[in-house]
PDB file of N, CA and C in Angstrom:
ATOM      1  N   UNK A   1       7.308 -19.361  -5.404  1.00  0.00           N
ATOM      2  CA  UNK A   1       5.959 -18.823  -5.477  1.00  0.00           C
ATOM      3  C   UNK A   1       4.963 -19.655  -4.656  1.00  0.00           C
ATOM      4  N   UNK A   2       5.386 -20.835  -4.219  1.00  0.00           N
ATOM      5  CA  UNK A   2       4.493 -21.697  -3.442  1.00  0.00           C
ATOM      6  C   UNK A   2       4.634 -21.499  -1.938  1.00  0.00           C
ATOM      7  N   UNK A   3       5.491 -20.567  -1.511  1.00  0.00           N
ATOM      8  CA  UNK A   3       5.682 -20.355  -0.076  1.00  0.00           C
ATOM      9  C   UNK A   3       4.389 -19.842   0.554  1.00  0.00           C
ATOM     10  N   UNK A   4       4.167 -20.275   1.775  1.00  0.00           N
ATOM     11  CA  UNK A   4       2.976 -19.881   2.518  1.00  0.00           C
ATOM     12  C   UNK A   4       3.372 -19.400   3.905  1.00  0.00           C
ATOM     13  N   UNK A   5       2.557 -18.533   4.462  1.00  0.00           N
ATOM     14  CA  UNK A   5       2.735 -18.091   5.833  1.00  0.00           C
ATOM     15  C   UNK A   5       2.241 -19.199   6.775  1.00  0.00           C
ATOM     16  N   UNK A   6       2.473 -19.027   8.061  1.00  0.00           N
ATOM     17  CA  UNK A   6       2.041 -20.018   9.039  1.00  0.00           C
ATOM     18  C   UNK A   6       0.534 -20.237   9.003  1.00  0.00           C
ATOM     19  N   UNK A   7      -0.212 -19.201   8.664  1.00  0.00           N
ATOM     20  CA  UNK A   7      -1.665 -19.340   8.621  1.00  0.00           C
ATOM     21  C   UNK A   7      -2.163 -19.905   7.289  1.00  0.00           C
ATOM     22  N   UNK A   8      -1.245 -20.259   6.383  1.00  0.00           N
ATOM     23  CA  UNK A   8      -1.611 -20.851   5.104  1.00  0.00           C
ATOM     24  C   UNK A   8      -1.781 -19.869   3.965  1.00  0.00           C
ATOM     25  N   UNK A   9      -1.743 -18.582   4.265  1.00  0.00           N
ATOM     26  CA  UNK A   9      -1.896 -17.552   3.225  1.00  0.00           C
ATOM     27  C   UNK A   9      -0.603 -17.426   2.416  1.00  0.00           C
ATOM     28  N   UNK A  10      -0.722 -16.953   1.170  1.00  0.00           N
ATOM     29  CA  UNK A  10       0.491 -16.697   0.382  1.00  0.00           C
ATOM     30  C   UNK A  10       1.338 -15.610   1.042  1.00  0.00           C
ATOM     31  N   UNK A  11       2.611 -15.607   0.733  1.00  0.00           N
ATOM     32  CA  UNK A  11       3.536 -14.616   1.283  1.00  0.00           C
ATOM     33  C   UNK A  11       3.410 -13.319   0.490  1.00  0.00           C
ATOM     34  N   UNK A  12       3.005 -12.268   1.156  1.00  0.00           N
ATOM     35  CA  UNK A  12       2.969 -10.920   0.574  1.00  0.00           C
ATOM     36  C   UNK A  12       3.630  -9.989   1.587  1.00  0.00           C
ATOM     37  N   UNK A  13       4.837  -9.544   1.259  1.00  0.00           N
ATOM     38  CA  UNK A  13       5.622  -8.736   2.178  1.00  0.00           C
ATOM     39  C   UNK A  13       5.194  -7.274   2.149  1.00  0.00           C
ATOM     40  N   UNK A  14       5.046  -6.702   3.327  1.00  0.00           N
ATOM     41  CA  UNK A  14       4.643  -5.304   3.451  1.00  0.00           C
ATOM     42  C   UNK A  14       5.618  -4.351   2.782  1.00  0.00           C
ATOM     43  N   UNK A  15       6.901  -4.546   3.022  1.00  0.00           N
ATOM     44  CA  UNK A  15       7.906  -3.632   2.474  1.00  0.00           C
ATOM     45  C   UNK A  15       7.945  -3.710   0.946  1.00  0.00           C
ATOM     46  N   UNK A  16       7.884  -4.910   0.407  1.00  0.00           N
ATOM     47  CA  UNK A  16       7.906  -5.074  -1.048  1.00  0.00           C
ATOM     48  C   UNK A  16       6.710  -4.425  -1.711  1.00  0.00           C
ATOM     49  N   UNK A  17       5.531  -4.641  -1.137  1.00  0.00           N
ATOM     50  CA  UNK A  17       4.335  -3.998  -1.679  1.00  0.00           C
ATOM     51  C   UNK A  17       4.391  -2.493  -1.490  1.00  0.00           C
ATOM     52  N   UNK A  18       4.995  -2.058  -0.391  1.00  0.00           N
ATOM     53  CA  UNK A  18       5.180  -0.619  -0.170  1.00  0.00           C
ATOM     54  C   UNK A  18       6.053   0.009  -1.242  1.00  0.00           C
ATOM     55  N   UNK A  19       7.158  -0.673  -1.596  1.00  0.00           N
ATOM     56  CA  UNK A  19       8.037  -0.146  -2.639  1.00  0.00           C
ATOM     57  C   UNK A  19       7.296  -0.035  -3.968  1.00  0.00           C
ATOM     58  N   UNK A  20       6.463  -1.018  -4.268  1.00  0.00           N
ATOM     59  CA  UNK A  20       5.724  -0.978  -5.538  1.00  0.00           C
ATOM     60  C   UNK A  20       4.732   0.178  -5.555  1.00  0.00           C
ATOM     61  N   UNK A  21       3.890   0.264  -4.518  1.00  0.00           N
ATOM     62  CA  UNK A  21       2.858   1.300  -4.519  1.00  0.00           C
ATOM     63  C   UNK A  21       3.463   2.701  -4.404  1.00  0.00           C
ATOM     64  N   UNK A  22       4.601   2.835  -3.730  1.00  0.00           N
ATOM     65  CA  UNK A  22       5.262   4.139  -3.641  1.00  0.00           C
ATOM     66  C   UNK A  22       6.062   4.457  -4.898  1.00  0.00           C
ATOM     67  N   UNK A  23       6.449   3.438  -5.647  1.00  0.00           N
ATOM     68  CA  UNK A  23       7.208   3.651  -6.875  1.00  0.00           C
ATOM     69  C   UNK A  23       6.349   4.037  -8.059  1.00  0.00           C
ATOM     70  N   UNK A  24       5.103   3.602  -8.067  1.00  0.00           N
ATOM     71  CA  UNK A  24       4.226   3.925  -9.198  1.00  0.00           C
ATOM     72  C   UNK A  24       4.105   5.437  -9.413  1.00  0.00           C
ATOM     73  N   UNK A  25       3.967   6.259  -8.364  1.00  0.00           N
ATOM     74  CA  UNK A  25       3.923   7.709  -8.603  1.00  0.00           C
ATOM     75  C   UNK A  25       5.146   8.231  -9.356  1.00  0.00           C
ATOM     76  N   UNK A  26       6.312   7.650  -9.111  1.00  0.00           N
ATOM     77  CA  UNK A  26       7.500   8.083  -9.852  1.00  0.00           C
ATOM     78  C   UNK A  26       7.386   7.741 -11.331  1.00  0.00           C
ATOM     79  N   UNK A  27       6.826   6.594 -11.640  1.00  0.00           N
ATOM     80  CA  UNK A  27       6.589   6.228 -13.045  1.00  0.00           C
ATOM     81  C   UNK A  27       5.620   7.202 -13.704  1.00  0.00           C
ATOM     82  N   UNK A  28       4.554   7.527 -12.978  1.00  0.00           N
ATOM     83  CA  UNK A  28       3.513   8.382 -13.548  1.00  0.00           C
ATOM     84  C   UNK A  28       4.042   9.763 -13.925  1.00  0.00           C
ATOM     85  N   UNK A  29       5.071  10.223 -13.227  1.00  0.00           N
ATOM     86  CA  UNK A  29       5.642  11.542 -13.530  1.00  0.00           C
ATOM     87  C   UNK A  29       6.283  11.584 -14.912  1.00  0.00           C
ATOM     88  N   UNK A  30       6.748  10.432 -15.393  1.00  0.00           N
ATOM     89  CA  UNK A  30       7.536  10.406 -16.627  1.00  0.00           C
ATOM     90  C   UNK A  30       6.861   9.696 -17.796  1.00  0.00           C
ATOM     91  N   UNK A  31       5.804   8.955 -17.539  1.00  0.00           N
ATOM     92  CA  UNK A  31       5.160   8.212 -18.618  1.00  0.00           C
ATOM     93  C   UNK A  31       4.347   9.133 -19.525  1.00  0.00           C
ATOM     94  N   UNK A  32       4.345   8.855 -20.810  1.00  0.00           N
ATOM     95  CA  UNK A  32       3.433   9.572 -21.699  1.00  0.00           C
ATOM     96  C   UNK A  32       1.983   9.255 -21.306  1.00  0.00           C
ATOM     97  N   UNK A  33       1.092  10.176 -21.549  1.00  0.00           N
ATOM     98  CA  UNK A  33      -0.306  10.046 -21.134  1.00  0.00           C
ATOM     99  C   UNK A  33      -0.944   8.739 -21.598  1.00  0.00           C
ATOM    100  N   UNK A  34      -0.624   8.290 -22.802  1.00  0.00           N
ATOM    101  CA  UNK A  34      -1.279   7.084 -23.332  1.00  0.00           C
ATOM    102  C   UNK A  34      -0.912   5.811 -22.572  1.00  0.00           C
ATOM    103  N   UNK A  35       0.118   5.844 -21.737  1.00  0.00           N
ATOM    104  CA  UNK A  35       0.532   4.670 -20.970  1.00  0.00           C
ATOM    105  C   UNK A  35       0.155   4.761 -19.487  1.00  0.00           C
ATOM    106  N   UNK A  36      -0.339   5.895 -19.063  1.00  0.00           N
ATOM    107  CA  UNK A  36      -0.610   6.096 -17.637  1.00  0.00           C
ATOM    108  C   UNK A  36      -1.805   5.299 -17.117  1.00  0.00           C
ATOM    109  N   UNK A  37      -2.790   5.048 -17.952  1.00  0.00           N
ATOM    110  CA  UNK A  37      -4.023   4.399 -17.501  1.00  0.00           C
ATOM    111  C   UNK A  37      -3.788   3.081 -16.789  1.00  0.00           C
ATOM    112  N   UNK A  38      -2.942   2.239 -17.347  1.00  0.00           N
ATOM    113  CA  UNK A  38      -2.656   0.938 -16.745  1.00  0.00           C
ATOM    114  C   UNK A  38      -2.077   1.117 -15.349  1.00  0.00           C
ATOM    115  N   UNK A  39      -1.107   2.000 -15.209  1.00  0.00           N
ATOM    116  CA  UNK A  39      -0.434   2.187 -13.919  1.00  0.00           C
ATOM    117  C   UNK A  39      -1.307   2.930 -12.915  1.00  0.00           C
ATOM    118  N   UNK A  40      -2.155   3.832 -13.373  1.00  0.00           N
ATOM    119  CA  UNK A  40      -3.101   4.483 -12.473  1.00  0.00           C
ATOM    120  C   UNK A  40      -4.090   3.466 -11.912  1.00  0.00           C
ATOM    121  N   UNK A  41      -4.571   2.563 -12.772  1.00  0.00           N
ATOM    122  CA  UNK A  41      -5.488   1.521 -12.300  1.00  0.00           C
ATOM    123  C   UNK A  41      -4.793   0.561 -11.347  1.00  0.00           C
ATOM    124  N   UNK A  42      -3.566   0.184 -11.658  1.00  0.00           N
ATOM    125  CA  UNK A  42      -2.785  -0.676 -10.774  1.00  0.00           C
ATOM    126  C   UNK A  42      -2.591   0.000  -9.416  1.00  0.00           C
ATOM    127  N   UNK A  43      -2.269   1.284  -9.435  1.00  0.00           N
ATOM    128  CA  UNK A  43      -2.078   2.053  -8.206  1.00  0.00           C
ATOM    129  C   UNK A  43      -3.358   2.060  -7.372  1.00  0.00           C
ATOM    130  N   UNK A  44      -4.497   2.312  -8.005  1.00  0.00           N
ATOM    131  CA  UNK A  44      -5.772   2.340  -7.276  1.00  0.00           C
ATOM    132  C   UNK A  44      -6.092   0.972  -6.676  1.00  0.00           C
ATOM    133  N   UNK A  45      -5.913  -0.068  -7.464  1.00  0.00           N
ATOM    134  CA  UNK A  45      -6.221  -1.414  -7.001  1.00  0.00           C
ATOM    135  C   UNK A  45      -5.321  -1.818  -5.829  1.00  0.00           C
ATOM    136  N   UNK A  46      -4.036  -1.577  -5.988  1.00  0.00           N
ATOM    137  CA  UNK A  46      -3.090  -1.934  -4.931  1.00  0.00           C
ATOM    138  C   UNK A  46      -3.326  -1.096  -3.678  1.00  0.00           C
ATOM    139  N   UNK A  47      -3.554   0.185  -3.843  1.00  0.00           N
ATOM    140  CA  UNK A  47      -3.821   1.057  -2.686  1.00  0.00           C
ATOM    141  C   UNK A  47      -5.053   0.602  -1.931  1.00  0.00           C
ATOM    142  N   UNK A  48      -6.105   0.273  -2.660  1.00  0.00           N
ATOM    143  CA  UNK A  48      -7.346  -0.176  -2.033  1.00  0.00           C
ATOM    144  C   UNK A  48      -7.146  -1.428  -1.202  1.00  0.00           C
ATOM    145  N   UNK A  49      -6.426  -2.390  -1.762  1.00  0.00           N
ATOM    146  CA  UNK A  49      -6.181  -3.635  -1.030  1.00  0.00           C
ATOM    147  C   UNK A  49      -5.282  -3.384   0.178  1.00  0.00           C
ATOM    148  N   UNK A  50      -4.259  -2.572   0.009  1.00  0.00           N
ATOM    149  CA  UNK A  50      -3.347  -2.303   1.120  1.00  0.00           C
ATOM    150  C   UNK A  50      -4.065  -1.605   2.278  1.00  0.00           C
ATOM    151  N   UNK A  51      -4.935  -0.675   1.979  1.00  0.00           N
ATOM    152  CA  UNK A  51      -5.676   0.021   3.036  1.00  0.00           C
ATOM    153  C   UNK A  51      -6.553  -0.975   3.804  1.00  0.00           C
ATOM    154  N   UNK A  52      -7.086  -1.973   3.115  1.00  0.00           N
ATOM    155  CA  UNK A  52      -7.870  -3.008   3.793  1.00  0.00           C
ATOM    156  C   UNK A  52      -7.020  -3.801   4.785  1.00  0.00           C
ATOM    157  N   UNK A  53      -5.723  -3.890   4.534  1.00  0.00           N
ATOM    158  CA  UNK A  53      -4.823  -4.694   5.362  1.00  0.00           C
ATOM    159  C   UNK A  53      -4.145  -3.910   6.484  1.00  0.00           C
ATOM    160  N   UNK A  54      -4.466  -2.627   6.597  1.00  0.00           N
ATOM    161  CA  UNK A  54      -3.910  -1.804   7.668  1.00  0.00           C
ATOM    162  C   UNK A  54      -4.434  -2.301   9.012  1.00  0.00           C
ATOM    163  N   UNK A  55      -3.570  -2.323  10.038  1.00  0.00           N
ATOM    164  CA  UNK A  55      -4.056  -2.773  11.339  1.00  0.00           C
ATOM    165  C   UNK A  55      -4.789  -1.641  12.063  1.00  0.00           C
ATOM    166  N   UNK A  56      -5.358  -1.966  13.202  1.00  0.00           N
ATOM    167  CA  UNK A  56      -6.178  -1.004  13.951  1.00  0.00           C
ATOM    168  C   UNK A  56      -5.402   0.230  14.401  1.00  0.00           C
ATOM    169  N   UNK A  57      -4.104   0.078  14.601  1.00  0.00           N
ATOM    170  CA  UNK A  57      -3.278   1.205  15.041  1.00  0.00           C
ATOM    171  C   UNK A  57      -2.784   2.050  13.872  1.00  0.00           C
ATOM    172  N   UNK A  58      -2.994   1.605  12.646  1.00  0.00           N
ATOM    173  CA  UNK A  58      -2.581   2.379  11.483  1.00  0.00           C
ATOM    174  C   UNK A  58      -1.327   1.869  10.806  1.00  0.00           C
ATOM    175  N   UNK A  59      -0.810   0.736  11.239  1.00  0.00           N
ATOM    176  CA  UNK A  59       0.423   0.179  10.681  1.00  0.00           C
ATOM    177  C   UNK A  59       0.139  -0.935   9.676  1.00  0.00           C
ATOM    178  N   UNK A  60       1.181  -1.246   8.931  1.00  0.00           N
ATOM    179  CA  UNK A  60       1.217  -2.461   8.132  1.00  0.00           C
ATOM    180  C   UNK A  60       2.339  -3.313   8.698  1.00  0.00           C
ATOM    181  N   UNK A  61       2.277  -4.603   8.438  1.00  0.00           N
ATOM    182  CA  UNK A  61       3.238  -5.536   9.022  1.00  0.00           C
ATOM    183  C   UNK A  61       4.113  -6.158   7.935  1.00  0.00           C
ATOM    184  N   UNK A  62       5.178  -6.824   8.384  1.00  0.00           N
ATOM    185  CA  UNK A  62       6.085  -7.483   7.447  1.00  0.00           C
ATOM    186  C   UNK A  62       5.327  -8.467   6.564  1.00  0.00           C
ATOM    187  N   UNK A  63       4.415  -9.213   7.148  1.00  0.00           N
ATOM    188  CA  UNK A  63       3.555 -10.111   6.387  1.00  0.00           C
ATOM    189  C   UNK A  63       2.165  -9.480   6.314  1.00  0.00           C
ATOM    190  N   UNK A  64       1.751  -9.127   5.123  1.00  0.00           N
ATOM    191  CA  UNK A  64       0.457  -8.456   4.986  1.00  0.00           C
ATOM    192  C   UNK A  64      -0.721  -9.384   5.264  1.00  0.00           C
ATOM    193  N   UNK A  65      -0.578 -10.665   4.939  1.00  0.00           N
ATOM    194  CA  UNK A  65      -1.698 -11.597   5.079  1.00  0.00           C
ATOM    195  C   UNK A  65      -1.632 -12.450   6.343  1.00  0.00           C
ATOM    196  N   UNK A  66      -0.555 -12.308   7.106  1.00  0.00           N
ATOM    197  CA  UNK A  66      -0.420 -13.020   8.372  1.00  0.00           C
ATOM    198  C   UNK A  66       0.302 -12.128   9.376  1.00  0.00           C
ATOM    199  N   UNK A  67      -0.327 -11.018   9.778  1.00  0.00           N
ATOM    200  CA  UNK A  67       0.343 -10.081  10.675  1.00  0.00           C
ATOM    201  C   UNK A  67       0.702 -10.680  12.032  1.00  0.00           C
ATOM    202  N   UNK A  68       0.018 -11.734  12.451  1.00  0.00           N
ATOM    203  CA  UNK A  68       0.340 -12.354  13.736  1.00  0.00           C
ATOM    204  C   UNK A  68       1.715 -13.029  13.711  1.00  0.00           C
ATOM    205  N   UNK A  69       2.174 -13.431  12.534  1.00  0.00           N
ATOM    206  CA  UNK A  69       3.487 -14.077  12.469  1.00  0.00           C
ATOM    207  C   UNK A  69       4.624 -13.068  12.656  1.00  0.00           C
ATOM    208  N   UNK A  70       4.345 -11.804  12.389  1.00  0.00           N
ATOM    209  CA  UNK A  70       5.298 -10.707  12.608  1.00  0.00           C
ATOM    210  C   UNK A  70       4.515  -9.568  13.261  1.00  0.00           C
ATOM    211  N   UNK A  71       4.230  -9.668  14.547  1.00  0.00           N
ATOM    212  CA  UNK A  71       3.303  -8.721  15.176  1.00  0.00           C
ATOM    213  C   UNK A  71       3.808  -7.286  15.293  1.00  0.00           C
ATOM    214  N   UNK A  72       5.105  -7.079  15.276  1.00  0.00           N
ATOM    215  CA  UNK A  72       5.618  -5.711  15.381  1.00  0.00           C
ATOM    216  C   UNK A  72       5.316  -4.947  14.092  1.00  0.00           C
ATOM    217  N   UNK A  73       4.925  -3.693  14.193  1.00  0.00           N
ATOM    218  CA  UNK A  73       4.690  -2.896  12.988  1.00  0.00           C
ATOM    219  C   UNK A  73       5.956  -2.807  12.135  1.00  0.00           C
ATOM    220  N   UNK A  74       5.780  -2.750  10.842  1.00  0.00           N
ATOM    221  CA  UNK A  74       6.910  -2.650   9.916  1.00  0.00           C
ATOM    222  C   UNK A  74       7.008  -1.197   9.470  1.00  0.00           C
ATOM    223  N   UNK A  75       8.020  -0.498   9.951  1.00  0.00           N
ATOM    224  CA  UNK A  75       8.137   0.946   9.722  1.00  0.00           C
ATOM    225  C   UNK A  75       8.289   1.301   8.249  1.00  0.00           C
ATOM    226  N   UNK A  76       9.086   0.557   7.513  1.00  0.00           N
ATOM    227  CA  UNK A  76       9.289   0.877   6.095  1.00  0.00           C
ATOM    228  C   UNK A  76       8.001   0.708   5.307  1.00  0.00           C
ATOM    229  N   UNK A  77       7.315  -0.411   5.524  1.00  0.00           N
ATOM    230  CA  UNK A  77       6.048  -0.642   4.820  1.00  0.00           C
ATOM    231  C   UNK A  77       5.053   0.464   5.146  1.00  0.00           C
ATOM    232  N   UNK A  78       4.954   0.810   6.420  1.00  0.00           N
ATOM    233  CA  UNK A  78       4.008   1.839   6.836  1.00  0.00           C
ATOM    234  C   UNK A  78       4.347   3.188   6.217  1.00  0.00           C
ATOM    235  N   UNK A  79       5.611   3.554   6.212  1.00  0.00           N
ATOM    236  CA  UNK A  79       6.012   4.836   5.625  1.00  0.00           C
ATOM    237  C   UNK A  79       5.747   4.866   4.112  1.00  0.00           C
ATOM    238  N   UNK A  80       6.101   3.805   3.421  1.00  0.00           N
ATOM    239  CA  UNK A  80       5.930   3.770   1.961  1.00  0.00           C
ATOM    240  C   UNK A  80       4.454   3.801   1.577  1.00  0.00           C
ATOM    241  N   UNK A  81       3.642   3.040   2.266  1.00  0.00           N
ATOM    242  CA  UNK A  81       2.210   3.003   1.945  1.00  0.00           C
ATOM    243  C   UNK A  81       1.548   4.325   2.328  1.00  0.00           C
ATOM    244  N   UNK A  82       1.966   4.912   3.432  1.00  0.00           N
ATOM    245  CA  UNK A  82       1.443   6.225   3.820  1.00  0.00           C
ATOM    246  C   UNK A  82       1.754   7.261   2.746  1.00  0.00           C
ATOM    247  N   UNK A  83       2.989   7.270   2.262  1.00  0.00           N
ATOM    248  CA  UNK A  83       3.368   8.182   1.177  1.00  0.00           C
ATOM    249  C   UNK A  83       2.481   7.968  -0.043  1.00  0.00           C
ATOM    250  N   UNK A  84       2.284   6.722  -0.435  1.00  0.00           N
ATOM    251  CA  UNK A  84       1.503   6.425  -1.628  1.00  0.00           C
ATOM    252  C   UNK A  84       0.055   6.891  -1.485  1.00  0.00           C
ATOM    253  N   UNK A  85      -0.536   6.641  -0.338  1.00  0.00           N
ATOM    254  CA  UNK A  85      -1.925   7.057  -0.123  1.00  0.00           C
ATOM    255  C   UNK A  85      -2.029   8.583  -0.142  1.00  0.00           C
ATOM    256  N   UNK A  86      -1.091   9.264   0.485  1.00  0.00           N
ATOM    257  CA  UNK A  86      -1.094  10.731   0.453  1.00  0.00           C
ATOM    258  C   UNK A  86      -0.948  11.237  -0.982  1.00  0.00           C
ATOM    259  N   UNK A  87      -0.044  10.644  -1.735  1.00  0.00           N
ATOM    260  CA  UNK A  87       0.135  11.024  -3.141  1.00  0.00           C
ATOM    261  C   UNK A  87      -1.169  10.808  -3.918  1.00  0.00           C
ATOM    262  N   UNK A  88      -1.767   9.651  -3.720  1.00  0.00           N
ATOM    263  CA  UNK A  88      -2.997   9.335  -4.442  1.00  0.00           C
ATOM    264  C   UNK A  88      -4.116  10.317  -4.155  1.00  0.00           C
ATOM    265  N   UNK A  89      -4.264  10.701  -2.900  1.00  0.00           N
ATOM    266  CA  UNK A  89      -5.283  11.685  -2.531  1.00  0.00           C
ATOM    267  C   UNK A  89      -4.939  13.036  -3.154  1.00  0.00           C
ATOM    268  N   UNK A  90      -3.703  13.478  -3.002  1.00  0.00           N
ATOM    269  CA  UNK A  90      -3.297  14.793  -3.517  1.00  0.00           C
ATOM    270  C   UNK A  90      -3.410  14.903  -5.024  1.00  0.00           C
ATOM    271  N   UNK A  91      -3.194  13.810  -5.729  1.00  0.00           N
ATOM    272  CA  UNK A  91      -3.244  13.829  -7.194  1.00  0.00           C
ATOM    273  C   UNK A  91      -4.616  13.453  -7.754  1.00  0.00           C
ATOM    274  N   UNK A  92      -5.574  13.208  -6.878  1.00  0.00           N
ATOM    275  CA  UNK A  92      -6.926  12.879  -7.323  1.00  0.00           C
ATOM    276  C   UNK A  92      -7.086  11.449  -7.829  1.00  0.00           C
ATOM    277  N   UNK A  93      -6.129  10.595  -7.536  1.00  0.00           N
ATOM    278  CA  UNK A  93      -6.237   9.192  -7.949  1.00  0.00           C
ATOM    279  C   UNK A  93      -7.024   8.363  -6.942  1.00  0.00           C
ATOM    280  N   UNK A  94      -7.062   8.817  -5.689  1.00  0.00           N
ATOM    281  CA  UNK A  94      -7.801   8.136  -4.641  1.00  0.00           C
ATOM    282  C   UNK A  94      -8.822   9.096  -4.050  1.00  0.00           C
ATOM    283  N   UNK A  95      -9.986   8.577  -3.763  1.00  0.00           N
ATOM    284  CA  UNK A  95     -11.063   9.378  -3.199  1.00  0.00           C
ATOM    285  C   UNK A  95     -10.697   9.823  -1.779  1.00  0.00           C
ATOM    286  N   UNK A  96     -10.671  11.131  -1.583  1.00  0.00           N
ATOM    287  CA  UNK A  96     -10.243  11.693  -0.296  1.00  0.00           C
ATOM    288  C   UNK A  96     -11.131  11.208   0.849  1.00  0.00           C
ATOM    289  N   UNK A  97     -12.416  11.216   0.646  1.00  0.00           N
ATOM    290  CA  UNK A  97     -13.341  10.813   1.710  1.00  0.00           C
ATOM    291  C   UNK A  97     -13.108   9.352   2.123  1.00  0.00           C
ATOM    292  N   UNK A  98     -12.798   8.516   1.156  1.00  0.00           N
ATOM    293  CA  UNK A  98     -12.598   7.094   1.426  1.00  0.00           C
ATOM    294  C   UNK A  98     -11.228   6.795   2.056  1.00  0.00           C
ATOM    295  N   UNK A  99     -10.182   7.486   1.599  1.00  0.00           N
ATOM    296  CA  UNK A  99      -8.815   7.143   1.991  1.00  0.00           C
ATOM    297  C   UNK A  99      -8.218   8.003   3.100  1.00  0.00           C
ATOM    298  N   UNK A 100      -8.787   9.168   3.361  1.00  0.00           N
ATOM    299  CA  UNK A 100      -8.215  10.049   4.383  1.00  0.00           C
ATOM    300  C   UNK A 100      -8.191   9.425   5.780  1.00  0.00           C
ATOM    301  N   UNK A 101      -9.207   8.682   6.198  1.00  0.00           N
ATOM    302  CA  UNK A 101      -9.119   8.056   7.524  1.00  0.00           C
ATOM    303  C   UNK A 101      -7.918   7.114   7.662  1.00  0.00           C
ATOM    304  N   UNK A 102      -7.646   6.309   6.657  1.00  0.00           N
ATOM    305  CA  UNK A 102      -6.484   5.404   6.696  1.00  0.00           C
ATOM    306  C   UNK A 102      -5.181   6.205   6.699  1.00  0.00           C
ATOM    307  N   UNK A 103      -5.140   7.277   5.928  1.00  0.00           N
ATOM    308  CA  UNK A 103      -3.956   8.113   5.885  1.00  0.00           C
ATOM    309  C   UNK A 103      -3.696   8.756   7.253  1.00  0.00           C
ATOM    310  N   UNK A 104      -4.722   9.290   7.854  1.00  0.00           N
ATOM    311  CA  UNK A 104      -4.562   9.922   9.167  1.00  0.00           C
ATOM    312  C   UNK A 104      -4.106   8.911  10.213  1.00  0.00           C
ATOM    313  N   UNK A 105      -4.684   7.723  10.150  1.00  0.00           N
ATOM    314  CA  UNK A 105      -4.320   6.697  11.117  1.00  0.00           C
ATOM    315  C   UNK A 105      -2.849   6.289  10.957  1.00  0.00           C
ATOM    316  N   UNK A 106      -2.397   6.133   9.737  1.00  0.00           N
ATOM    317  CA  UNK A 106      -0.994   5.739   9.527  1.00  0.00           C
ATOM    318  C   UNK A 106      -0.047   6.890   9.829  1.00  0.00           C
ATOM    319  N   UNK A 107      -0.453   8.107   9.526  1.00  0.00           N
ATOM    320  CA  UNK A 107       0.390   9.263   9.812  1.00  0.00           C
ATOM    321  C   UNK A 107       0.623   9.404  11.314  1.00  0.00           C
ATOM    322  N   UNK A 108      -0.444   9.204  12.068  1.00  0.00           N
ATOM    323  CA  UNK A 108      -0.335   9.314  13.533  1.00  0.00           C
ATOM    324  C   UNK A 108       0.507   8.197  14.093  1.00  0.00           C
TER     325      UNK A 108
END
């Protein structure tokens, strides 16, 4: 847990975070209503932070907090996060006006 990127930031992998944010919608399909609130809030919080970390071309990188250490776009992270953002918009969990630009950029 003490590992750091070259720039000193903690290690947060794009693909791992992508799996989490893309997996939450699967949980929401099966959870009883009384348990959904926690995961919906987690989904919103994680989605919001991930969208902030999107690069100018619409990609996410292997290292979310040090994209220069892995400059090539990470296809799995980008696909998983794109799916999650689209799901969030379609299900009303994410504000369309706020998140659609990031979704369009990653889709392209």
